[in-house]
Each structure stands twice: as C-alpha cells, then as structure tokens.
Amino acid sequence: MTSNILSKLGSISFIAGLAVVILVGMTSTTDATIAWIIGLLGIIVGLLNIQSKETQLFLISAIAFMVAVNGLSGVLSTMFGQANNILHNMVLFVAPAAGVVSLKAIYGLVKN
C-alpha cells in the first residue's frame, strides 16, 4: 500500500515538474523560489520514480539531455523565444533527479 502511494507521488511529481517547467518557462524568467520548487520536484522524482533496474538508462539519458540542451537552446530560440527558459528549467528539473539517482547507484555499489 505504501509503495503504491509513493509511486503515485513520484508520478505526480514528474507531471507537476514538467508542467511547472513549461508554464514558468513560457511566462517569465525563473526566480530563486521557482528554481527551488523545480529542484525539489526533481529530487522527489529521483527518489521515488527511478528503480534500480532503470538507473543506467536514466543516467545516460539525463547526461545526454543536459549536454544536448546547449545545442537545442541555440536552435530552438531562433524559432521560439522562450525555448531557453524552458530548457534551462528542464535542466533544473533533471539535474537533481540525476544527482539523487547517481548517489543511490553509488551507495548500491559500495554497500556490497
């Protein structure tokens, strides 16, 4: 029962994080409070959504996304002015999740 609730909380955090990232990115620049909220949602997603069997794929995807953001922001900003804000907010969301998942993976490696 508890794992089902935590799973739903993780899913809700992911959806809420994406919604906040897109809405804030389209309407304004990100202030410190919004950045903290986005980061906290990313931490929750990293803790609750990513299982050990998904760790490697998630971390590779997160690294690839964060590297690709530089190129994407240059290309997309010419077509859509708020693209830089949205992509910056996506990094604020993905990076904490990747950090938490990588710490969980490191802990799993050293505890054995």
N, C-alpha and C. Protein backbone atom coordinates (compact mmCIF):
# COMPACT_ATOMS: atom_id res chain seq x y z
N MET A 1 0.82 -1.20 0.00
CA MET A 1 0.00 0.00 0.00
C MET A 1 0.86 1.26 0.00
N THR A 2 1.88 1.28 0.87
CA THR A 2 2.74 2.46 0.96
C THR A 2 3.53 2.66 -0.32
N SER A 3 4.04 1.58 -0.93
CA SER A 3 4.81 1.73 -2.16
C SER A 3 3.93 2.24 -3.30
N ASN A 4 2.65 1.88 -3.29
CA ASN A 4 1.71 2.37 -4.30
C ASN A 4 1.51 3.88 -4.14
N ILE A 5 1.39 4.33 -2.91
CA ILE A 5 1.24 5.77 -2.64
C ILE A 5 2.50 6.52 -3.06
N LEU A 6 3.68 5.97 -2.71
CA LEU A 6 4.94 6.62 -3.08
C LEU A 6 5.12 6.64 -4.59
N SER A 7 4.71 5.56 -5.27
CA SER A 7 4.79 5.52 -6.72
C SER A 7 3.91 6.60 -7.34
N LYS A 8 2.71 6.76 -6.81
CA LYS A 8 1.82 7.80 -7.32
C LYS A 8 2.38 9.19 -7.04
N LEU A 9 2.98 9.37 -5.87
CA LEU A 9 3.58 10.66 -5.54
C LEU A 9 4.73 10.97 -6.50
N GLY A 10 5.52 9.98 -6.82
CA GLY A 10 6.60 10.18 -7.78
C GLY A 10 6.08 10.54 -9.16
N SER A 11 5.02 9.86 -9.60
CA SER A 11 4.42 10.16 -10.91
C SER A 11 3.82 11.55 -10.93
N ILE A 12 3.13 11.90 -9.87
CA ILE A 12 2.53 13.23 -9.77
C ILE A 12 3.63 14.30 -9.76
N SER A 13 4.73 14.03 -9.05
CA SER A 13 5.84 14.98 -9.01
C SER A 13 6.45 15.18 -10.40
N PHE A 14 6.55 14.08 -11.16
CA PHE A 14 7.10 14.20 -12.52
C PHE A 14 6.20 15.06 -13.40
N ILE A 15 4.91 14.79 -13.37
CA ILE A 15 3.96 15.56 -14.18
C ILE A 15 3.92 17.02 -13.72
N ALA A 16 3.90 17.23 -12.41
CA ALA A 16 3.89 18.59 -11.88
C ALA A 16 5.17 19.33 -12.26
N GLY A 17 6.29 18.64 -12.18
CA GLY A 17 7.56 19.25 -12.55
C GLY A 17 7.59 19.69 -13.99
N LEU A 18 7.14 18.82 -14.88
CA LEU A 18 7.09 19.20 -16.30
C LEU A 18 6.15 20.38 -16.53
N ALA A 19 5.00 20.36 -15.86
CA ALA A 19 4.04 21.46 -16.01
C ALA A 19 4.65 22.78 -15.53
N VAL A 20 5.29 22.76 -14.37
CA VAL A 20 5.90 23.97 -13.83
C VAL A 20 7.01 24.46 -14.76
N VAL A 21 7.84 23.53 -15.23
CA VAL A 21 8.94 23.88 -16.13
C VAL A 21 8.42 24.60 -17.37
N ILE A 22 7.40 24.04 -17.99
CA ILE A 22 6.88 24.62 -19.23
C ILE A 22 6.15 25.93 -18.98
N LEU A 23 5.27 25.95 -17.97
CA LEU A 23 4.50 27.16 -17.70
C LEU A 23 5.38 28.32 -17.29
N VAL A 24 6.31 28.08 -16.38
CA VAL A 24 7.19 29.16 -15.93
C VAL A 24 8.11 29.58 -17.07
N GLY A 25 8.60 28.63 -17.83
CA GLY A 25 9.48 28.96 -18.96
C GLY A 25 8.79 29.80 -20.02
N MET A 26 7.50 29.59 -20.20
CA MET A 26 6.77 30.33 -21.22
C MET A 26 6.34 31.71 -20.74
N THR A 27 6.20 31.89 -19.43
CA THR A 27 5.66 33.14 -18.93
C THR A 27 6.69 34.12 -18.40
N SER A 28 7.78 33.61 -17.85
CA SER A 28 8.73 34.54 -17.23
C SER A 28 10.08 33.86 -17.06
N THR A 29 11.01 34.61 -16.50
CA THR A 29 12.28 34.02 -16.13
C THR A 29 12.12 33.34 -14.76
N THR A 30 13.02 32.46 -14.45
CA THR A 30 12.91 31.68 -13.23
C THR A 30 13.61 32.41 -12.09
N ASP A 31 12.86 32.68 -11.02
CA ASP A 31 13.49 33.26 -9.85
C ASP A 31 13.93 32.14 -8.91
N ALA A 32 14.55 32.50 -7.80
CA ALA A 32 15.13 31.50 -6.89
C ALA A 32 14.07 30.59 -6.29
N THR A 33 12.92 31.12 -5.96
CA THR A 33 11.86 30.30 -5.36
C THR A 33 11.38 29.24 -6.33
N ILE A 34 11.14 29.62 -7.56
CA ILE A 34 10.69 28.66 -8.58
C ILE A 34 11.79 27.63 -8.84
N ALA A 35 13.04 28.07 -8.87
CA ALA A 35 14.15 27.13 -9.08
C ALA A 35 14.20 26.09 -7.96
N TRP A 36 13.98 26.52 -6.72
CA TRP A 36 13.96 25.58 -5.60
C TRP A 36 12.80 24.59 -5.74
N ILE A 37 11.65 25.06 -6.15
CA ILE A 37 10.50 24.18 -6.32
C ILE A 37 10.77 23.16 -7.42
N ILE A 38 11.31 23.62 -8.54
CA ILE A 38 11.63 22.71 -9.65
C ILE A 38 12.68 21.69 -9.20
N GLY A 39 13.69 22.15 -8.50
CA GLY A 39 14.73 21.24 -8.00
C GLY A 39 14.19 20.22 -7.01
N LEU A 40 13.32 20.67 -6.12
CA LEU A 40 12.72 19.75 -5.14
C LEU A 40 11.86 18.69 -5.83
N LEU A 41 11.11 19.09 -6.84
CA LEU A 41 10.34 18.11 -7.61
C LEU A 41 11.27 17.12 -8.30
N GLY A 42 12.40 17.58 -8.80
CA GLY A 42 13.38 16.69 -9.41
C GLY A 42 13.94 15.69 -8.41
N ILE A 43 14.22 16.15 -7.20
CA ILE A 43 14.71 15.25 -6.15
C ILE A 43 13.67 14.18 -5.82
N ILE A 44 12.41 14.59 -5.71
CA ILE A 44 11.34 13.64 -5.42
C ILE A 44 11.24 12.60 -6.54
N VAL A 45 11.33 13.05 -7.77
CA VAL A 45 11.28 12.12 -8.91
C VAL A 45 12.46 11.15 -8.83
N GLY A 46 13.65 11.65 -8.55
CA GLY A 46 14.82 10.78 -8.45
C GLY A 46 14.70 9.75 -7.34
N LEU A 47 14.10 10.16 -6.23
CA LEU A 47 13.94 9.24 -5.10
C LEU A 47 12.85 8.20 -5.33
N LEU A 48 11.75 8.61 -5.93
CA LEU A 48 10.58 7.75 -5.96
C LEU A 48 10.30 7.09 -7.30
N ASN A 49 10.73 7.67 -8.39
CA ASN A 49 10.34 7.14 -9.71
C ASN A 49 11.34 6.18 -10.33
N ILE A 50 12.60 6.38 -10.09
CA ILE A 50 13.63 5.61 -10.79
C ILE A 50 14.02 4.41 -9.94
N GLN A 51 13.72 3.22 -10.46
CA GLN A 51 14.06 1.97 -9.79
C GLN A 51 15.49 1.57 -10.16
N SER A 52 16.06 0.62 -9.41
CA SER A 52 17.45 0.23 -9.65
C SER A 52 17.66 -0.32 -11.06
N LYS A 53 16.69 -1.03 -11.62
CA LYS A 53 16.86 -1.56 -12.97
C LYS A 53 16.83 -0.47 -14.03
N GLU A 54 16.32 0.71 -13.70
CA GLU A 54 16.23 1.84 -14.65
C GLU A 54 17.38 2.83 -14.50
N THR A 55 18.24 2.61 -13.52
CA THR A 55 19.27 3.58 -13.17
C THR A 55 20.19 3.90 -14.34
N GLN A 56 20.76 2.90 -14.97
CA GLN A 56 21.72 3.15 -16.03
C GLN A 56 21.09 3.91 -17.19
N LEU A 57 19.94 3.48 -17.65
CA LEU A 57 19.26 4.16 -18.76
C LEU A 57 18.90 5.60 -18.39
N PHE A 58 18.41 5.81 -17.17
CA PHE A 58 18.04 7.16 -16.75
C PHE A 58 19.27 8.07 -16.72
N LEU A 59 20.36 7.59 -16.12
CA LEU A 59 21.55 8.44 -16.01
C LEU A 59 22.15 8.76 -17.37
N ILE A 60 22.19 7.79 -18.27
CA ILE A 60 22.70 8.07 -19.62
C ILE A 60 21.80 9.07 -20.32
N SER A 61 20.49 8.89 -20.19
CA SER A 61 19.54 9.82 -20.82
C SER A 61 19.65 11.22 -20.23
N ALA A 62 19.80 11.30 -18.92
CA ALA A 62 19.92 12.61 -18.27
C ALA A 62 21.19 13.33 -18.71
N ILE A 63 22.30 12.60 -18.78
CA ILE A 63 23.55 13.21 -19.23
C ILE A 63 23.43 13.68 -20.68
N ALA A 64 22.88 12.83 -21.53
CA ALA A 64 22.72 13.19 -22.94
C ALA A 64 21.82 14.42 -23.07
N PHE A 65 20.75 14.46 -22.31
CA PHE A 65 19.84 15.61 -22.39
C PHE A 65 20.54 16.89 -21.95
N MET A 66 21.24 16.83 -20.82
CA MET A 66 21.88 18.05 -20.32
C MET A 66 22.99 18.53 -21.25
N VAL A 67 23.67 17.63 -21.93
CA VAL A 67 24.68 18.03 -22.91
C VAL A 67 24.00 18.63 -24.15
N ALA A 68 22.90 18.01 -24.57
CA ALA A 68 22.21 18.46 -25.78
C ALA A 68 21.50 19.79 -25.61
N VAL A 69 21.22 20.18 -24.38
CA VAL A 69 20.50 21.44 -24.14
C VAL A 69 21.24 22.62 -24.75
N ASN A 70 22.55 22.60 -24.72
CA ASN A 70 23.31 23.73 -25.29
C ASN A 70 23.00 23.92 -26.76
N GLY A 71 23.03 22.85 -27.53
CA GLY A 71 22.71 22.95 -28.95
C GLY A 71 21.24 23.23 -29.20
N LEU A 72 20.40 22.58 -28.42
CA LEU A 72 18.96 22.77 -28.59
C LEU A 72 18.54 24.21 -28.32
N SER A 73 19.12 24.81 -27.30
CA SER A 73 18.71 26.18 -26.96
C SER A 73 19.06 27.15 -28.08
N GLY A 74 20.20 26.94 -28.71
CA GLY A 74 20.56 27.82 -29.82
C GLY A 74 19.64 27.67 -31.02
N VAL A 75 19.28 26.44 -31.33
CA VAL A 75 18.42 26.18 -32.48
C VAL A 75 16.98 26.60 -32.18
N LEU A 76 16.46 26.17 -31.04
CA LEU A 76 15.05 26.44 -30.74
C LEU A 76 14.76 27.90 -30.42
N SER A 77 15.74 28.61 -29.87
CA SER A 77 15.49 30.00 -29.52
C SER A 77 15.27 30.87 -30.75
N THR A 78 15.78 30.45 -31.90
CA THR A 78 15.53 31.21 -33.12
C THR A 78 14.09 31.05 -33.59
N MET A 79 13.47 29.92 -33.25
CA MET A 79 12.09 29.67 -33.66
C MET A 79 11.09 30.05 -32.56
N PHE A 80 11.51 29.89 -31.32
CA PHE A 80 10.61 30.09 -30.19
C PHE A 80 11.39 30.79 -29.10
N GLY A 81 11.07 32.03 -28.83
CA GLY A 81 11.86 32.87 -27.94
C GLY A 81 12.02 32.37 -26.53
N GLN A 82 11.03 31.68 -26.00
CA GLN A 82 11.08 31.21 -24.62
C GLN A 82 11.76 29.86 -24.47
N ALA A 83 12.31 29.31 -25.56
CA ALA A 83 12.93 27.98 -25.51
C ALA A 83 14.08 27.92 -24.51
N ASN A 84 14.88 28.98 -24.43
CA ASN A 84 15.99 28.99 -23.47
C ASN A 84 15.50 28.85 -22.04
N ASN A 85 14.43 29.57 -21.69
CA ASN A 85 13.89 29.47 -20.34
C ASN A 85 13.38 28.07 -20.04
N ILE A 86 12.66 27.49 -20.98
CA ILE A 86 12.10 26.16 -20.78
C ILE A 86 13.22 25.13 -20.64
N LEU A 87 14.22 25.19 -21.52
CA LEU A 87 15.32 24.23 -21.45
C LEU A 87 16.14 24.41 -20.18
N HIS A 88 16.36 25.65 -19.77
CA HIS A 88 17.08 25.90 -18.51
C HIS A 88 16.30 25.29 -17.34
N ASN A 89 14.99 25.46 -17.34
CA ASN A 89 14.17 24.89 -16.28
C ASN A 89 14.18 23.37 -16.32
N MET A 90 14.25 22.79 -17.52
CA MET A 90 14.34 21.33 -17.63
C MET A 90 15.63 20.82 -17.00
N VAL A 91 16.72 21.55 -17.20
CA VAL A 91 17.98 21.15 -16.56
C VAL A 91 17.84 21.26 -15.04
N LEU A 92 17.18 22.31 -14.56
CA LEU A 92 16.95 22.45 -13.12
C LEU A 92 16.12 21.30 -12.56
N PHE A 93 15.30 20.69 -13.40
CA PHE A 93 14.45 19.57 -13.00
C PHE A 93 15.19 18.24 -13.12
N VAL A 94 15.93 18.04 -14.19
CA VAL A 94 16.59 16.76 -14.45
C VAL A 94 17.86 16.58 -13.61
N ALA A 95 18.64 17.64 -13.43
CA ALA A 95 19.92 17.52 -12.73
C ALA A 95 19.77 17.01 -11.29
N PRO A 96 18.84 17.53 -10.49
CA PRO A 96 18.70 16.98 -9.14
C PRO A 96 18.25 15.51 -9.14
N ALA A 97 17.37 15.16 -10.07
CA ALA A 97 16.94 13.77 -10.18
C ALA A 97 18.14 12.88 -10.52
N ALA A 98 18.96 13.31 -11.46
CA ALA A 98 20.14 12.54 -11.84
C ALA A 98 21.13 12.45 -10.68
N GLY A 99 21.27 13.53 -9.93
CA GLY A 99 22.16 13.51 -8.77
C GLY A 99 21.72 12.50 -7.73
N VAL A 100 20.44 12.49 -7.43
CA VAL A 100 19.91 11.55 -6.45
C VAL A 100 20.07 10.11 -6.93
N VAL A 101 19.73 9.87 -8.19
CA VAL A 101 19.84 8.51 -8.74
C VAL A 101 21.29 8.06 -8.76
N SER A 102 22.21 8.95 -9.10
CA SER A 102 23.62 8.55 -9.11
C SER A 102 24.12 8.26 -7.69
N LEU A 103 23.67 9.01 -6.70
CA LEU A 103 24.04 8.73 -5.32
C LEU A 103 23.48 7.39 -4.86
N LYS A 104 22.24 7.08 -5.27
CA LYS A 104 21.66 5.78 -4.94
C LYS A 104 22.46 4.66 -5.59
N ALA A 105 22.90 4.86 -6.82
CA ALA A 105 23.70 3.84 -7.51
C ALA A 105 25.06 3.65 -6.85
N ILE A 106 25.70 4.75 -6.48
CA ILE A 106 26.99 4.66 -5.79
C ILE A 106 26.84 3.93 -4.47
N TYR A 107 25.81 4.27 -3.73
CA TYR A 107 25.56 3.59 -2.45
C TYR A 107 25.35 2.09 -2.67
N GLY A 108 24.58 1.74 -3.72
CA GLY A 108 24.36 0.34 -4.03
C GLY A 108 25.64 -0.39 -4.37
N LEU A 109 26.58 0.29 -5.01
CA LEU A 109 27.86 -0.33 -5.35
C LEU A 109 28.77 -0.53 -4.14
N VAL A 110 28.82 0.45 -3.25
CA VAL A 110 29.74 0.37 -2.13
C VAL A 110 29.22 -0.43 -0.95
N LYS A 111 27.91 -0.63 -0.88
CA LYS A 111 27.39 -1.38 0.28
C LYS A 111 27.65 -2.87 0.14
N ASN A 112 27.90 -3.32 -1.07
CA ASN A 112 28.19 -4.75 -1.27
C ASN A 112 29.64 -4.95 -1.12
